[in-house]
Structures are given as C-alpha cells and as structure tokens.
Amino acid sequence: MNETNGHRPKQRRMRADALRNREQILRSAVDLLIEQGPAAPMEAIARRAGVGIATLYRHFPDRSVLLRQVALDTLRQSAHEATVSLAEEPDAFAGLSRFMHDSIDLRIGAVMPVLADRVPMDDELMAARRESRDAVDALVDAAHRQGYLREDVTSGDIGLLIIRLTPPLPGEMDPEDNHQLSHRHLELLLDGLVRVMSDQELPGPVLSTDELTRIPPGPGPGYAGMTDELRAKVQGRCHPR
C-alpha cells in the first residue's frame, strides 16, 4: 500500500549483493587504513574491494562518511565480541583471551588510533563507544571476580595491550606472518604475565632475535629476499631446538 491509503511505504531492504559490496568496501578500507593511513585513495579502496568507484560512492558519498562508518562498525564489533566471549566461554579469563585474539583479527587496535583525530564523535559514535567500553568492563570485572586476573589490571590496560599488539611490525614481512606474530605475542603475554601455567603451544613462527635482524627494515627485497632457511622459519615450517 502507499501513503495515499494511510500507510507508509516499507523501507526496502538492501539487496544481498549490495550488502556484500558494502561489507567488502569496509573490510578493504580497514586494510588500506592500516597500510597507507586515512588518506588512502578511494580508488584504491574500490579496487581492493573488487567494486567500481561508482559503487563505492553510492554507499559512501565521501571519505568522511566512509571513515565514520569504519569507526562505528569497529566499535560495535568490539562490543559484540566482548559480550559473546563472556557469554560463551567457560570462564571469564578464557573469554578475555578470546576477546583479545578476536580484537587482533578485527584490527581494532590499529584502526581506532588512526581514526581518533579524523572522525568527530557524534551521538551515535558516543553510544557505540560506551557500549564497547561497558562490554569490556564487564569481561574484565568477571575475570577479577573469578580470581583469574590480577586486581590491578584494568580494562584500559587490556585496550592498550590490544593497541600495542595489533599494528604490523615495522619492516617488510609477509602480512599473514606479521598477523600471526601478533597472536603469538598475545599468547606469550597471557601465559607469562597473567596465567599461572598453560599447556597450550604458542601460535605463529618461532624467531630468534638474530633472525629478526635479518628481515630488511625498509625498502628492498624484504620477505622475498630472505634466505630459504629464514623464510621457512617465518612460515612456521621449522623451529629452532
């Protein structure tokens, strides 16, 4: 029915392909924000998303709209992951560990610092930030109550640790290996500083300090120029004794 019959028209739902395009644009924007910063060309984001520039602008009329939506989605994802982790894990510390690993996968700690000075906080963003903060507070409070987390560790500490662990290391390294090292170092932190003991093997490649110095720090051959032995180690195919 239409408005002439006394009924408002129903809002059309976004088509499945349009929704996929939108989500792919947002994922690609996150990738390029981390790689190139908030000034990454819109054309590059469209190419990474596999859509035309007209499709990108149909969803996000300008850069400010796109960056705002990235920030909003990131905050909402943070709240969701913290809430689900607390509800589904057997204890609050397991939930906290899951949340921190999920945050690394979502690149929350790399995206929000980049956008902090670029996206004005309106009412909707403020509400999303409060929701995220409250969900993380609940997770940390539960870990305190259950005796799994040091009392002097705050939700702010957790957020800063995620920010420190998420951004890729400087120098040229395969992005997936760089990402897996973030998870490895998070497990090392959780096992070494918070948990008393653990029977879980640390994820990611095992690298010595000497091997880290052999990764070119700037422009040059980078990952492709490593020795076969080092490349195999970074890929996790061999481990030092």
C-alpha atoms as a PDB file:
ATOM      1  CA  MET A   1       0.000   0.000   0.000  1.00  0.00           C
ATOM      2  CA  ASN A   2       1.099   3.583  -0.439  1.00  0.00           C
ATOM      3  CA  GLU A   3       0.786   6.689   1.674  1.00  0.00           C
ATOM      4  CA  THR A   4      -2.481   7.693  -0.037  1.00  0.00           C
ATOM      5  CA  ASN A   5      -4.161   4.689   1.626  1.00  0.00           C
ATOM      6  CA  GLY A   6      -2.970   5.752   5.054  1.00  0.00           C
ATOM      7  CA  HIS A   7       0.094   3.516   5.191  1.00  0.00           C
ATOM      8  CA  ARG A   8       3.747   4.447   4.969  1.00  0.00           C
ATOM      9  CA  PRO A   9       5.719   2.505   2.347  1.00  0.00           C
ATOM     10  CA  LYS A  10       8.005  -0.172   3.750  1.00  0.00           C
ATOM     11  CA  GLN A  11      11.706   0.638   3.672  1.00  0.00           C
ATOM     12  CA  ARG A  12      13.387  -1.553   1.097  1.00  0.00           C
ATOM     13  CA  ARG A  13      15.966  -3.959   2.472  1.00  0.00           C
ATOM     14  CA  MET A  14      19.432  -3.768   0.977  1.00  0.00           C
ATOM     15  CA  ARG A  15      19.899  -6.466  -1.675  1.00  0.00           C
ATOM     16  CA  ALA A  16      22.297  -9.285  -0.780  1.00  0.00           C
ATOM     17  CA  ASP A  17      24.825  -8.282  -3.445  1.00  0.00           C
ATOM     18  CA  ALA A  18      24.704  -4.634  -2.345  1.00  0.00           C
ATOM     19  CA  LEU A  19      25.234  -5.701   1.271  1.00  0.00           C
ATOM     20  CA  ARG A  20      28.218  -7.833   0.257  1.00  0.00           C
ATOM     21  CA  ASN A  21      29.699  -4.910  -1.669  1.00  0.00           C
ATOM     22  CA  ARG A  22      29.265  -2.620   1.307  1.00  0.00           C
ATOM     23  CA  GLU A  23      30.907  -5.059   3.705  1.00  0.00           C
ATOM     24  CA  GLN A  24      33.763  -5.685   1.284  1.00  0.00           C
ATOM     25  CA  ILE A  25      34.340  -1.944   0.919  1.00  0.00           C
ATOM     26  CA  LEU A  26      34.529  -1.574   4.696  1.00  0.00           C
ATOM     27  CA  ARG A  27      36.964  -4.503   5.026  1.00  0.00           C
ATOM     28  CA  SER A  28      39.131  -3.075   2.264  1.00  0.00           C
ATOM     29  CA  ALA A  29      39.041   0.352   3.872  1.00  0.00           C
ATOM     30  CA  VAL A  30      40.348  -1.187   7.100  1.00  0.00           C
ATOM     31  CA  ASP A  31      43.181  -2.903   5.208  1.00  0.00           C
ATOM     32  CA  LEU A  32      44.271   0.285   3.481  1.00  0.00           C
ATOM     33  CA  LEU A  33      43.871   2.418   6.598  1.00  0.00           C
ATOM     34  CA  ILE A  34      46.465   0.193   8.230  1.00  0.00           C
ATOM     35  CA  GLU A  35      48.713   0.020   5.181  1.00  0.00           C
ATOM     36  CA  GLN A  36      48.515   3.628   3.962  1.00  0.00           C
ATOM     37  CA  GLY A  37      46.697   5.670   6.602  1.00  0.00           C
ATOM     38  CA  PRO A  38      43.388   7.601   6.425  1.00  0.00           C
ATOM     39  CA  ALA A  39      44.395   9.373   3.204  1.00  0.00           C
ATOM     40  CA  ALA A  40      44.410   6.114   1.225  1.00  0.00           C
ATOM     41  CA  PRO A  41      42.888   6.836  -2.216  1.00  0.00           C
ATOM     42  CA  MET A  42      39.221   5.977  -2.568  1.00  0.00           C
ATOM     43  CA  GLU A  43      40.043   4.395  -5.938  1.00  0.00           C
ATOM     44  CA  ALA A  44      42.486   2.031  -4.219  1.00  0.00           C
ATOM     45  CA  ILE A  45      39.825   1.031  -1.683  1.00  0.00           C
ATOM     46  CA  ALA A  46      37.381   0.307  -4.512  1.00  0.00           C
ATOM     47  CA  ARG A  47      39.976  -1.798  -6.346  1.00  0.00           C
ATOM     48  CA  ARG A  48      40.813  -3.747  -3.195  1.00  0.00           C
ATOM     49  CA  ALA A  49      37.097  -4.363  -2.634  1.00  0.00           C
ATOM     50  CA  GLY A  50      36.602  -5.514  -6.226  1.00  0.00           C
ATOM     51  CA  VAL A  51      33.955  -2.892  -6.972  1.00  0.00           C
ATOM     52  CA  GLY A  52      33.756   0.137  -9.221  1.00  0.00           C
ATOM     53  CA  ILE A  53      34.362   3.605  -7.839  1.00  0.00           C
ATOM     54  CA  ALA A  54      30.716   4.476  -8.566  1.00  0.00           C
ATOM     55  CA  THR A  55      29.610   1.601  -6.327  1.00  0.00           C
ATOM     56  CA  LEU A  56      31.830   2.841  -3.522  1.00  0.00           C
ATOM     57  CA  TYR A  57      30.434   6.376  -3.746  1.00  0.00           C
ATOM     58  CA  ARG A  58      26.879   5.027  -3.908  1.00  0.00           C
ATOM     59  CA  HIS A  59      27.406   3.518  -0.456  1.00  0.00           C
ATOM     60  CA  PHE A  60      29.726   6.198   0.938  1.00  0.00           C
ATOM     61  CA  PRO A  61      29.375   9.631  -0.721  1.00  0.00           C
ATOM     62  CA  ASP A  62      32.728  10.898   0.554  1.00  0.00           C
ATOM     63  CA  ARG A  63      35.752   9.903   2.621  1.00  0.00           C
ATOM     64  CA  SER A  64      34.367  11.296   5.884  1.00  0.00           C
ATOM     65  CA  VAL A  65      31.252   9.113   5.600  1.00  0.00           C
ATOM     66  CA  LEU A  66      33.364   6.030   4.926  1.00  0.00           C
ATOM     67  CA  LEU A  67      35.771   6.662   7.810  1.00  0.00           C
ATOM     68  CA  ARG A  68      32.893   7.327  10.192  1.00  0.00           C
ATOM     69  CA  GLN A  69      31.252   4.033   9.242  1.00  0.00           C
ATOM     70  CA  VAL A  70      34.550   2.170   9.718  1.00  0.00           C
ATOM     71  CA  ALA A  71      34.821   3.651  13.224  1.00  0.00           C
ATOM     72  CA  LEU A  72      31.194   2.845  14.040  1.00  0.00           C
ATOM     73  CA  ASP A  73      31.454  -0.738  12.823  1.00  0.00           C
ATOM     74  CA  THR A  74      34.718  -1.235  14.705  1.00  0.00           C
ATOM     75  CA  LEU A  75      33.230  -0.056  17.989  1.00  0.00           C
ATOM     76  CA  ARG A  76      30.130  -2.195  17.510  1.00  0.00           C
ATOM     77  CA  GLN A  77      32.227  -5.253  16.674  1.00  0.00           C
ATOM     78  CA  SER A  78      34.291  -4.692  19.810  1.00  0.00           C
ATOM     79  CA  ALA A  79      31.161  -4.603  21.971  1.00  0.00           C
ATOM     80  CA  HIS A  80      29.745  -7.686  20.271  1.00  0.00           C
ATOM     81  CA  GLU A  81      32.927  -9.744  20.621  1.00  0.00           C
ATOM     82  CA  ALA A  82      33.342  -8.852  24.309  1.00  0.00           C
ATOM     83  CA  THR A  83      29.712  -9.723  25.078  1.00  0.00           C
ATOM     84  CA  VAL A  84      29.771 -13.021  23.164  1.00  0.00           C
ATOM     85  CA  SER A  85      33.141 -14.032  24.623  1.00  0.00           C
ATOM     86  CA  LEU A  86      31.874 -13.577  28.188  1.00  0.00           C
ATOM     87  CA  ALA A  87      28.649 -15.464  27.438  1.00  0.00           C
ATOM     88  CA  GLU A  88      30.140 -18.423  25.573  1.00  0.00           C
ATOM     89  CA  GLU A  89      33.471 -19.217  27.251  1.00  0.00           C
ATOM     90  CA  PRO A  90      33.732 -21.497  30.313  1.00  0.00           C
ATOM     91  CA  ASP A  91      35.367 -18.805  32.448  1.00  0.00           C
ATOM     92  CA  ALA A  92      35.940 -15.082  32.210  1.00  0.00           C
ATOM     93  CA  PHE A  93      39.678 -15.339  31.591  1.00  0.00           C
ATOM     94  CA  ALA A  94      39.070 -17.632  28.631  1.00  0.00           C
ATOM     95  CA  GLY A  95      36.551 -15.050  27.438  1.00  0.00           C
ATOM     96  CA  LEU A  96      39.087 -12.260  27.877  1.00  0.00           C
ATOM     97  CA  SER A  97      41.700 -14.202  25.931  1.00  0.00           C
ATOM     98  CA  ARG A  98      39.209 -14.894  23.138  1.00  0.00           C
ATOM     99  CA  PHE A  99      38.188 -11.240  23.018  1.00  0.00           C
ATOM    100  CA  MET A 100      41.797 -10.061  22.729  1.00  0.00           C
ATOM    101  CA  HIS A 101      42.552 -12.522  19.926  1.00  0.00           C
ATOM    102  CA  ASP A 102      39.334 -11.529  18.129  1.00  0.00           C
ATOM    103  CA  SER A 103      40.295  -7.864  18.501  1.00  0.00           C
ATOM    104  CA  ILE A 104      43.601  -8.563  16.767  1.00  0.00           C
ATOM    105  CA  ASP A 105      41.756 -10.294  13.914  1.00  0.00           C
ATOM    106  CA  LEU A 106      39.408  -7.310  13.595  1.00  0.00           C
ATOM    107  CA  ARG A 107      42.412  -4.903  13.765  1.00  0.00           C
ATOM    108  CA  ILE A 108      40.570  -2.819  16.359  1.00  0.00           C
ATOM    109  CA  GLY A 109      43.817  -1.684  17.961  1.00  0.00           C
ATOM    110  CA  ALA A 110      45.198  -0.478  14.644  1.00  0.00           C
ATOM    111  CA  VAL A 111      42.080   1.166  13.219  1.00  0.00           C
ATOM    112  CA  MET A 112      40.763   3.266  16.096  1.00  0.00           C
ATOM    113  CA  PRO A 113      44.033   5.107  16.866  1.00  0.00           C
ATOM    114  CA  VAL A 114      44.277   6.072  13.181  1.00  0.00           C
ATOM    115  CA  LEU A 115      40.715   7.411  13.132  1.00  0.00           C
ATOM    116  CA  ALA A 116      40.738   9.070  16.553  1.00  0.00           C
ATOM    117  CA  ASP A 117      41.590  12.528  15.186  1.00  0.00           C
ATOM    118  CA  ARG A 118      39.777  12.134  11.883  1.00  0.00           C
ATOM    119  CA  VAL A 119      36.232  11.199  12.868  1.00  0.00           C
ATOM    120  CA  PRO A 120      34.207  13.624  15.069  1.00  0.00           C
ATOM    121  CA  MET A 121      32.342  11.834  17.859  1.00  0.00           C
ATOM    122  CA  ASP A 122      28.611  12.312  17.292  1.00  0.00           C
ATOM    123  CA  ASP A 123      25.827  10.839  19.449  1.00  0.00           C
ATOM    124  CA  GLU A 124      25.754   7.513  17.606  1.00  0.00           C
ATOM    125  CA  LEU A 125      29.502   7.045  17.852  1.00  0.00           C
ATOM    126  CA  MET A 126      29.486   8.035  21.521  1.00  0.00           C
ATOM    127  CA  ALA A 127      26.794   5.441  22.209  1.00  0.00           C
ATOM    128  CA  ALA A 128      28.797   2.770  20.369  1.00  0.00           C
ATOM    129  CA  ARG A 129      31.911   3.705  22.335  1.00  0.00           C
ATOM    130  CA  ARG A 130      30.021   3.428  25.638  1.00  0.00           C
ATOM    131  CA  GLU A 131      28.620   0.054  24.597  1.00  0.00           C
ATOM    132  CA  SER A 132      32.100  -1.195  23.756  1.00  0.00           C
ATOM    133  CA  ARG A 133      33.557   0.166  26.998  1.00  0.00           C
ATOM    134  CA  ASP A 134      30.797  -1.362  29.126  1.00  0.00           C
ATOM    135  CA  ALA A 135      31.141  -4.768  27.468  1.00  0.00           C
ATOM    136  CA  VAL A 136      34.907  -4.860  28.028  1.00  0.00           C
ATOM    137  CA  ASP A 137      34.467  -3.616  31.612  1.00  0.00           C
ATOM    138  CA  ALA A 138      32.026  -6.467  32.262  1.00  0.00           C
ATOM    139  CA  LEU A 139      34.502  -9.004  30.897  1.00  0.00           C
ATOM    140  CA  VAL A 140      37.384  -7.663  32.995  1.00  0.00           C
ATOM    141  CA  ASP A 141      35.204  -7.383  36.120  1.00  0.00           C
ATOM    142  CA  ALA A 142      34.117 -11.003  35.733  1.00  0.00           C
ATOM    143  CA  ALA A 143      37.738 -12.140  35.398  1.00  0.00           C
ATOM    144  CA  HIS A 144      38.552 -10.227  38.591  1.00  0.00           C
ATOM    145  CA  ARG A 145      35.625 -11.753  40.487  1.00  0.00           C
ATOM    146  CA  GLN A 146      36.598 -15.259  39.427  1.00  0.00           C
ATOM    147  CA  GLY A 147      40.171 -14.712  40.583  1.00  0.00           C
ATOM    148  CA  TYR A 148      41.760 -15.256  37.161  1.00  0.00           C
ATOM    149  CA  LEU A 149      43.044 -11.738  36.571  1.00  0.00           C
ATOM    150  CA  ARG A 150      45.313  -9.560  38.689  1.00  0.00           C
ATOM    151  CA  GLU A 151      43.266  -6.960  40.521  1.00  0.00           C
ATOM    152  CA  ASP A 152      45.498  -4.140  39.281  1.00  0.00           C
ATOM    153  CA  VAL A 153      44.845  -4.956  35.616  1.00  0.00           C
ATOM    154  CA  THR A 154      42.172  -2.627  34.229  1.00  0.00           C
ATOM    155  CA  SER A 155      40.077  -2.636  31.084  1.00  0.00           C
ATOM    156  CA  GLY A 156      42.233   0.305  29.993  1.00  0.00           C
ATOM    157  CA  ASP A 157      45.295  -1.934  30.268  1.00  0.00           C
ATOM    158  CA  ILE A 158      43.564  -4.512  28.094  1.00  0.00           C
ATOM    159  CA  GLY A 159      42.709  -1.898  25.470  1.00  0.00           C
ATOM    160  CA  LEU A 160      46.264  -0.544  25.390  1.00  0.00           C
ATOM    161  CA  LEU A 161      47.721  -4.038  25.084  1.00  0.00           C
ATOM    162  CA  ILE A 162      45.481  -4.673  22.082  1.00  0.00           C
ATOM    163  CA  ILE A 163      46.648  -1.374  20.548  1.00  0.00           C
ATOM    164  CA  ARG A 164      50.289  -2.302  21.135  1.00  0.00           C
ATOM    165  CA  LEU A 165      49.953  -5.820  19.730  1.00  0.00           C
ATOM    166  CA  THR A 166      47.745  -5.218  16.699  1.00  0.00           C
ATOM    167  CA  PRO A 167      49.688  -2.912  14.317  1.00  0.00           C
ATOM    168  CA  PRO A 168      52.107  -4.706  11.978  1.00  0.00           C
ATOM    169  CA  LEU A 169      55.761  -4.665  12.931  1.00  0.00           C
ATOM    170  CA  PRO A 170      57.986  -2.190  11.054  1.00  0.00           C
ATOM    171  CA  GLY A 171      59.907  -3.502   8.087  1.00  0.00           C
ATOM    172  CA  GLU A 172      58.846  -5.781   5.287  1.00  0.00           C
ATOM    173  CA  MET A 173      57.307  -9.101   6.230  1.00  0.00           C
ATOM    174  CA  ASP A 174      54.574 -11.253   4.785  1.00  0.00           C
ATOM    175  CA  PRO A 175      51.305  -9.709   6.141  1.00  0.00           C
ATOM    176  CA  GLU A 176      49.895 -13.039   7.316  1.00  0.00           C
ATOM    177  CA  ASP A 177      53.088 -13.901   9.199  1.00  0.00           C
ATOM    178  CA  ASN A 178      53.032 -10.444  10.761  1.00  0.00           C
ATOM    179  CA  HIS A 179      49.424 -11.023  11.797  1.00  0.00           C
ATOM    180  CA  GLN A 180      50.180 -14.446  13.304  1.00  0.00           C
ATOM    181  CA  LEU A 181      53.054 -12.968  15.308  1.00  0.00           C
ATOM    182  CA  SER A 182      50.536 -10.650  16.981  1.00  0.00           C
ATOM    183  CA  HIS A 183      48.588 -13.706  18.137  1.00  0.00           C
ATOM    184  CA  ARG A 184      51.794 -15.447  19.236  1.00  0.00           C
ATOM    185  CA  HIS A 185      52.924 -12.493  21.311  1.00  0.00           C
ATOM    186  CA  LEU A 186      49.471 -12.118  22.858  1.00  0.00           C
ATOM    187  CA  GLU A 187      49.603 -15.757  23.982  1.00  0.00           C
ATOM    188  CA  LEU A 188      53.087 -15.168  25.358  1.00  0.00           C
ATOM    189  CA  LEU A 189      51.801 -12.188  27.318  1.00  0.00           C
ATOM    190  CA  LEU A 190      48.746 -14.060  28.625  1.00  0.00           C
ATOM    191  CA  ASP A 191      50.738 -17.131  29.647  1.00  0.00           C
ATOM    192  CA  GLY A 192      53.747 -15.312  31.024  1.00  0.00           C
ATOM    193  CA  LEU A 193      52.149 -12.382  32.814  1.00  0.00           C
ATOM    194  CA  VAL A 194      48.595 -13.378  33.729  1.00  0.00           C
ATOM    195  CA  ARG A 195      48.006 -17.124  33.739  1.00  0.00           C
ATOM    196  CA  VAL A 196      49.927 -19.267  36.214  1.00  0.00           C
ATOM    197  CA  MET A 197      50.502 -22.107  33.761  1.00  0.00           C
ATOM    198  CA  SER A 198      49.286 -23.304  30.387  1.00  0.00           C
ATOM    199  CA  ASP A 199      49.570 -26.438  28.262  1.00  0.00           C
ATOM    200  CA  GLN A 200      48.830 -24.598  25.008  1.00  0.00           C
ATOM    201  CA  GLU A 201      51.568 -24.248  22.404  1.00  0.00           C
ATOM    202  CA  LEU A 202      52.257 -20.691  21.298  1.00  0.00           C
ATOM    203  CA  PRO A 203      50.947 -19.977  17.785  1.00  0.00           C
ATOM    204  CA  GLY A 204      52.952 -18.458  14.959  1.00  0.00           C
ATOM    205  CA  PRO A 205      56.561 -18.778  13.769  1.00  0.00           C
ATOM    206  CA  VAL A 206      59.435 -19.154  16.224  1.00  0.00           C
ATOM    207  CA  LEU A 207      62.034 -16.463  15.536  1.00  0.00           C
ATOM    208  CA  SER A 208      65.238 -15.619  17.366  1.00  0.00           C
ATOM    209  CA  THR A 209      66.433 -12.038  17.818  1.00  0.00           C
ATOM    210  CA  ASP A 210      69.199 -12.697  15.299  1.00  0.00           C
ATOM    211  CA  GLU A 211      66.661 -13.875  12.740  1.00  0.00           C
ATOM    212  CA  LEU A 212      64.561 -10.761  13.293  1.00  0.00           C
ATOM    213  CA  THR A 213      67.561  -8.584  12.416  1.00  0.00           C
ATOM    214  CA  ARG A 214      67.862 -10.407   9.094  1.00  0.00           C
ATOM    215  CA  ILE A 215      64.452  -9.131   7.980  1.00  0.00           C
ATOM    216  CA  PRO A 216      65.168  -5.988   5.899  1.00  0.00           C
ATOM    217  CA  PRO A 217      63.834  -2.974   7.854  1.00  0.00           C
ATOM    218  CA  GLY A 218      62.819  -0.812   4.910  1.00  0.00           C
ATOM    219  CA  PRO A 219      62.638  -0.622   1.098  1.00  0.00           C
ATOM    220  CA  GLY A 220      64.412  -3.511  -0.512  1.00  0.00           C
ATOM    221  CA  PRO A 221      63.940  -7.228  -1.136  1.00  0.00           C
ATOM    222  CA  GLY A 222      62.038  -7.667   2.123  1.00  0.00           C
ATOM    223  CA  TYR A 223      60.355 -11.021   2.653  1.00  0.00           C
ATOM    224  CA  ALA A 224      61.235 -12.179  -0.861  1.00  0.00           C
ATOM    225  CA  GLY A 225      64.936 -11.512  -0.175  1.00  0.00           C
ATOM    226  CA  MET A 226      65.197 -13.711   2.923  1.00  0.00           C
ATOM    227  CA  THR A 227      67.238 -16.876   2.868  1.00  0.00           C
ATOM    228  CA  ASP A 228      65.312 -20.073   2.274  1.00  0.00           C
ATOM    229  CA  GLU A 229      66.044 -21.146   5.862  1.00  0.00           C
ATOM    230  CA  LEU A 230      64.662 -17.937   7.360  1.00  0.00           C
ATOM    231  CA  ARG A 231      61.652 -17.887   5.035  1.00  0.00           C
ATOM    232  CA  ALA A 232      60.813 -21.459   6.083  1.00  0.00           C
ATOM    233  CA  LYS A 233      61.081 -20.472   9.727  1.00  0.00           C
ATOM    234  CA  VAL A 234      58.842 -17.425   9.308  1.00  0.00           C
ATOM    235  CA  GLN A 235      56.296 -19.633   7.595  1.00  0.00           C
ATOM    236  CA  GLY A 236      56.363 -21.888  10.651  1.00  0.00           C
ATOM    237  CA  ARG A 237      57.720 -24.931   8.830  1.00  0.00           C
ATOM    238  CA  CYS A 238      60.718 -25.378  11.119  1.00  0.00           C
ATOM    239  CA  HIS A 239      61.536 -24.496  14.735  1.00  0.00           C
ATOM    240  CA  PRO A 240      64.885 -23.997  16.498  1.00  0.00           C
ATOM    241  CA  ARG A 241      65.841 -26.609  19.049  1.00  0.00           C
END
